Amino acid sequence: MHNTKTNSSSSNGSESLTDYLTNLKTNVGTPERVLSSVGGGALIAYGIKRGDALGILAAVLGGALAFRGVSGHCHAYDAVGLDTSEKSESNRSPYHKGLLDAKIHVKKSVTIDRSPAELYQFWRNFENLPQFMRHLESVAILDEKRSHWKAKAPLGTSVEWDAELSSDVENERIGWKAVEGASVPNSGVVLFKPTSNRGTVVEVTMIYEPPAGKLGSLVAWLFGEEPNQQVAEDLRRFKQLMESGEVITVEGQPSGREPAPPTPNPQARTAGA
């Protein structure tokens, strides 16, 4: 009798868990579910590999994200009455839409001991940018205003898009925007402001729309691909490159220095965005 009772209890427990998972309301949209599943799995693997307190925290967070992706249910959304699933598209509140359509604003600057003309001419040839922008794999000029960009994304993936010039004032500013339908909508401007001495303040302002809104931004930040991090590090390397002709690094270089590729003729302006 004792064994029968135990088996029955185990069976009921299993059925209760199954019922629980089956009856969960889907309140997470497909893009978020995919990102949650991929990000959760990566965090679990990262946490197991570390094996320390931070690793345990990452694994727990990864498990929560993975459950969110597989089940399509988010308890936090329940608590605030949100539903990002496709079926509720027309019923979303302004707050809800803001969560999904979150735009990331980035503004960073650095002072470089070079003239505005030198810095503008180098930046204006967009094929130079991968020399100091580590997330960029390549930039190809398409015509006088458009260019094709390929960049690294979190978890070893990559994204590509076309961009076009939105403004161009020689030695002063370069503005760009991704064309309509780009996989990663973004726009921005870089300003070259002369200082009282020979130096120049290079100021970058960017608006970026991460896939799946703020959740996408969180996963990107966890893997070191968040725009605020990128822009600050890119400007630091740009300063090193323009002032010393090389980018200082500790990755695989015993001397801690990474020789820069040959610098093109700064007077040869190549159009693009």
Protein backbone atom coordinates (compact mmCIF):
# COMPACT_ATOMS: atom_id res chain seq x y z
CA MET A 1 0.00 0.00 0.00
CA HIS A 2 2.84 2.33 0.81
CA ASN A 3 4.45 1.86 -2.62
CA THR A 4 1.13 2.37 -4.41
CA LYS A 5 0.56 5.65 -2.61
CA THR A 6 4.06 6.86 -3.47
CA ASN A 7 3.66 6.06 -7.17
CA SER A 8 0.27 7.74 -7.28
CA SER A 9 1.65 10.87 -5.65
CA SER A 10 4.57 10.95 -8.10
CA SER A 11 2.18 10.56 -11.02
CA ASN A 12 -0.06 13.35 -9.78
CA GLY A 13 2.94 15.59 -9.31
CA SER A 14 4.06 14.93 -12.86
CA GLU A 15 0.61 15.64 -14.22
CA SER A 16 0.42 18.88 -12.21
CA LEU A 17 3.71 20.10 -13.68
CA THR A 18 2.55 19.17 -17.18
CA ASP A 19 -0.75 20.96 -16.63
CA TYR A 20 1.11 23.98 -15.31
CA LEU A 21 3.34 24.24 -18.38
CA THR A 22 0.46 23.54 -20.77
CA ASN A 23 -1.79 26.16 -19.23
CA LEU A 24 0.78 28.94 -19.12
CA LYS A 25 -0.45 31.96 -21.05
CA THR A 26 1.80 32.93 -23.94
CA ASN A 27 2.67 36.58 -23.40
CA VAL A 28 6.06 36.79 -25.12
CA GLY A 29 6.40 37.44 -28.86
CA THR A 30 8.41 35.24 -31.23
CA PRO A 31 11.47 37.54 -31.62
CA GLU A 32 11.83 37.79 -27.84
CA ARG A 33 11.38 34.04 -27.41
CA VAL A 34 14.14 33.28 -29.89
CA LEU A 35 16.49 35.80 -28.29
CA SER A 36 15.64 34.52 -24.81
CA SER A 37 16.32 30.92 -25.80
CA VAL A 38 19.63 31.68 -27.48
CA GLY A 39 20.78 34.11 -24.80
CA GLY A 40 19.66 31.80 -22.00
CA GLY A 41 21.53 28.83 -23.42
CA ALA A 42 24.67 30.89 -23.88
CA LEU A 43 24.49 32.22 -20.32
CA ILE A 44 24.04 28.72 -18.91
CA ALA A 45 27.09 27.49 -20.83
CA TYR A 46 29.09 30.55 -19.73
CA GLY A 47 28.08 30.06 -16.10
CA ILE A 48 29.02 26.37 -16.10
CA LYS A 49 32.38 27.20 -17.66
CA ARG A 50 33.19 29.82 -15.00
CA GLY A 51 32.09 27.69 -12.06
CA ASP A 52 32.31 30.55 -9.56
CA ALA A 53 29.72 32.79 -7.90
CA LEU A 54 29.36 34.96 -10.99
CA GLY A 55 29.01 31.83 -13.09
CA ILE A 56 26.22 30.54 -10.87
CA LEU A 57 24.41 33.87 -11.20
CA ALA A 58 24.82 33.81 -14.98
CA ALA A 59 23.53 30.22 -15.15
CA VAL A 60 20.47 31.08 -13.05
CA LEU A 61 19.71 34.07 -15.25
CA GLY A 62 20.27 31.89 -18.30
CA GLY A 63 17.84 29.32 -16.99
CA ALA A 64 15.18 31.98 -16.48
CA LEU A 65 15.73 33.33 -19.99
CA ALA A 66 15.66 29.86 -21.50
CA PHE A 67 12.38 29.05 -19.71
CA ARG A 68 10.98 32.35 -20.98
CA GLY A 69 11.91 31.44 -24.53
CA VAL A 70 10.70 27.84 -24.47
CA SER A 71 7.44 28.48 -22.60
CA GLY A 72 6.62 31.84 -24.16
CA HIS A 73 5.62 33.09 -20.73
CA CYS A 74 7.13 35.86 -18.63
CA HIS A 75 6.03 36.24 -14.99
CA ALA A 76 7.33 39.82 -14.88
CA TYR A 77 5.04 40.68 -17.81
CA ASP A 78 2.15 39.14 -15.87
CA ALA A 79 2.91 41.36 -12.90
CA VAL A 80 2.65 44.58 -14.93
CA GLY A 81 -0.01 43.39 -17.37
CA LEU A 82 2.13 43.24 -20.50
CA ASP A 83 1.71 40.94 -23.49
CA THR A 84 4.17 41.08 -26.39
CA SER A 85 2.81 38.07 -28.25
CA GLU A 86 1.66 38.55 -31.83
CA LYS A 87 -2.00 38.06 -30.93
CA SER A 88 -1.98 41.22 -28.82
CA GLU A 89 -0.27 43.46 -31.36
CA SER A 90 -3.25 45.79 -31.74
CA ASN A 91 -3.96 45.97 -28.02
CA ARG A 92 -0.55 47.07 -26.79
CA SER A 93 -0.34 49.99 -24.42
CA PRO A 94 2.07 52.90 -25.06
CA TYR A 95 4.29 51.55 -22.25
CA HIS A 96 4.28 48.11 -23.79
CA LYS A 97 5.19 49.46 -27.23
CA GLY A 98 7.96 51.46 -25.62
CA LEU A 99 9.39 48.28 -24.13
CA LEU A 100 9.56 46.55 -27.50
CA ASP A 101 10.53 49.57 -29.57
CA ALA A 102 13.15 50.80 -27.12
CA LYS A 103 15.71 53.08 -28.71
CA ILE A 104 19.18 53.32 -27.23
CA HIS A 105 20.73 56.80 -27.26
CA VAL A 106 24.52 56.98 -27.14
CA LYS A 107 26.65 60.11 -26.82
CA LYS A 108 30.41 59.86 -26.33
CA SER A 109 33.36 62.16 -27.01
CA VAL A 110 37.13 62.20 -26.90
CA THR A 111 39.80 64.88 -27.39
CA ILE A 112 42.44 64.00 -29.97
CA ASP A 113 45.68 65.88 -30.62
CA ARG A 114 45.02 66.28 -34.33
CA SER A 115 43.28 68.89 -36.48
CA PRO A 116 39.59 68.59 -37.45
CA ALA A 117 40.62 68.26 -41.10
CA GLU A 118 42.88 65.26 -40.44
CA LEU A 119 40.27 63.46 -38.38
CA TYR A 120 37.40 64.26 -40.73
CA GLN A 121 39.28 63.06 -43.81
CA PHE A 122 40.22 59.77 -42.17
CA TRP A 123 36.71 59.08 -40.84
CA ARG A 124 35.04 60.21 -44.07
CA ASN A 125 36.59 57.28 -45.90
CA PHE A 126 34.34 54.74 -44.20
CA GLU A 127 36.48 51.82 -45.29
CA ASN A 128 38.98 53.05 -42.66
CA LEU A 129 36.55 52.53 -39.78
CA PRO A 130 37.16 48.79 -39.14
CA GLN A 131 40.74 49.74 -38.24
CA PHE A 132 39.53 51.00 -34.86
CA MET A 133 35.89 49.82 -34.65
CA ARG A 134 36.35 46.22 -33.52
CA HIS A 135 32.70 45.25 -34.00
CA LEU A 136 32.88 46.17 -37.70
CA GLU A 137 33.98 43.44 -40.08
CA SER A 138 33.86 45.55 -43.23
CA VAL A 139 32.42 48.63 -44.90
CA ALA A 140 32.01 48.67 -48.69
CA ILE A 141 31.33 51.88 -50.63
CA LEU A 142 28.33 51.51 -52.97
CA ASP A 143 28.01 55.02 -54.45
CA GLU A 144 28.35 58.70 -53.56
CA LYS A 145 25.94 58.44 -50.62
CA ARG A 146 25.46 54.77 -49.76
CA SER A 147 27.62 52.05 -48.26
CA HIS A 148 27.21 48.46 -47.06
CA TRP A 149 28.14 47.57 -43.48
CA LYS A 150 28.82 44.21 -41.87
CA ALA A 151 29.24 44.00 -38.11
CA LYS A 152 29.75 41.41 -35.40
CA ALA A 153 26.78 40.70 -33.15
CA PRO A 154 26.46 38.90 -29.78
CA LEU A 155 26.96 35.13 -29.58
CA GLY A 156 29.23 34.96 -32.63
CA THR A 157 26.62 36.13 -35.15
CA SER A 158 26.81 39.03 -37.60
CA VAL A 159 24.46 41.61 -39.09
CA GLU A 160 24.55 43.56 -42.37
CA TRP A 161 22.79 46.69 -43.53
CA ASP A 162 23.01 49.56 -45.99
CA ALA A 163 23.40 53.15 -44.81
CA GLU A 164 23.38 56.54 -46.45
CA LEU A 165 24.70 60.01 -45.68
CA SER A 166 22.24 62.34 -43.97
CA SER A 167 24.67 65.26 -43.67
CA ASP A 168 28.24 66.03 -44.66
CA VAL A 169 30.05 69.28 -43.80
CA GLU A 170 33.75 69.09 -44.58
CA ASN A 171 35.97 69.10 -41.48
CA GLU A 172 32.91 69.61 -39.24
CA ARG A 173 30.35 66.80 -39.27
CA ILE A 174 29.29 63.50 -40.86
CA GLY A 175 25.74 62.21 -40.39
CA TRP A 176 24.37 58.83 -41.40
CA LYS A 177 21.26 56.69 -41.19
CA ALA A 178 20.50 53.07 -42.02
CA VAL A 179 18.21 52.69 -45.02
CA GLU A 180 14.60 51.70 -44.46
CA GLY A 181 14.19 48.03 -43.60
CA ALA A 182 17.72 47.61 -42.18
CA SER A 183 18.18 44.66 -39.81
CA VAL A 184 19.55 47.00 -37.14
CA PRO A 185 18.01 50.49 -37.51
CA ASN A 186 20.51 53.14 -36.49
CA SER A 187 21.41 56.74 -37.19
CA GLY A 188 23.83 59.28 -35.86
CA VAL A 189 26.35 62.03 -36.38
CA VAL A 190 30.02 62.56 -35.61
CA LEU A 191 31.19 66.12 -34.95
CA PHE A 192 34.74 67.45 -35.17
CA LYS A 193 35.09 70.48 -32.85
CA PRO A 194 38.38 72.40 -32.76
CA THR A 195 39.78 73.25 -29.33
CA SER A 196 41.81 76.30 -28.33
CA ASN A 197 45.00 74.43 -29.14
CA ARG A 198 45.73 72.00 -32.00
CA GLY A 199 43.40 69.33 -30.65
CA THR A 200 39.88 68.35 -31.67
CA VAL A 201 36.90 67.07 -29.71
CA VAL A 202 35.34 64.17 -31.62
CA GLU A 203 31.75 63.70 -30.49
CA VAL A 204 29.60 60.77 -31.58
CA THR A 205 25.83 60.73 -31.09
CA MET A 206 23.93 57.61 -32.13
CA ILE A 207 20.41 56.21 -31.92
CA TYR A 208 20.21 52.43 -32.09
CA GLU A 209 17.22 50.08 -32.03
CA PRO A 210 18.28 46.66 -30.68
CA PRO A 211 16.34 43.57 -31.82
CA ALA A 212 13.61 42.71 -29.25
CA GLY A 213 13.92 46.08 -27.54
CA LYS A 214 15.41 46.33 -24.06
CA LEU A 215 15.82 42.58 -23.75
CA GLY A 216 18.07 42.61 -26.81
CA SER A 217 20.07 45.45 -25.30
CA LEU A 218 20.50 43.48 -22.05
CA VAL A 219 21.78 40.36 -23.82
CA ALA A 220 24.11 42.49 -25.94
CA TRP A 221 25.49 44.17 -22.80
CA LEU A 222 26.10 40.82 -21.12
CA PHE A 223 28.27 39.77 -24.08
CA GLY A 224 30.16 43.03 -24.43
CA GLU A 225 28.38 44.23 -27.57
CA GLU A 226 26.27 47.06 -26.17
CA PRO A 227 26.55 50.38 -28.10
CA ASN A 228 27.68 52.51 -25.14
CA GLN A 229 30.59 50.13 -24.58
CA GLN A 230 31.38 49.94 -28.28
CA VAL A 231 31.44 53.68 -28.95
CA ALA A 232 33.58 54.52 -25.91
CA GLU A 233 36.14 51.85 -26.81
CA ASP A 234 36.07 52.77 -30.51
CA LEU A 235 36.84 56.40 -29.73
CA ARG A 236 39.67 55.39 -27.41
CA ARG A 237 41.22 53.32 -30.20
CA PHE A 238 40.61 56.11 -32.74
CA LYS A 239 42.57 58.48 -30.50
CA GLN A 240 45.46 56.01 -30.21
CA LEU A 241 45.49 55.38 -33.95
CA MET A 242 45.49 59.04 -34.95
CA GLU A 243 47.99 60.20 -32.34
CA SER A 244 50.50 57.33 -32.43
CA GLY A 245 49.72 55.42 -35.63
CA GLU A 246 48.90 52.21 -33.74
CA VAL A 247 46.24 50.75 -31.50
CA ILE A 248 47.41 49.54 -28.09
CA THR A 249 46.10 46.09 -27.20
CA VAL A 250 46.96 43.18 -24.92
CA GLU A 251 45.39 40.51 -27.11
CA GLY A 252 48.06 38.19 -28.46
CA GLN A 253 50.73 40.89 -28.56
CA PRO A 254 53.73 40.43 -26.21
CA SER A 255 54.52 44.13 -26.55
CA GLY A 256 50.92 45.13 -25.97
CA ARG A 257 50.79 47.02 -29.27
CA GLU A 258 48.92 46.26 -32.44
CA PRO A 259 50.41 47.87 -35.55
CA ALA A 260 47.82 49.75 -37.54
CA PRO A 261 47.27 49.01 -41.23
CA PRO A 262 48.76 51.54 -43.65
CA THR A 263 46.78 54.77 -43.57
CA PRO A 264 45.30 55.77 -46.94
CA ASN A 265 45.96 59.21 -48.38
CA PRO A 266 43.70 61.42 -46.22
CA GLN A 267 43.04 63.69 -49.20
CA ALA A 268 41.45 60.86 -51.18
CA ARG A 269 37.82 61.24 -50.12
CA THR A 270 35.64 58.22 -50.80
CA ALA A 271 31.90 58.82 -50.52
CA GLY A 272 29.54 56.59 -48.61
CA ALA A 273 27.71 56.23 -45.34
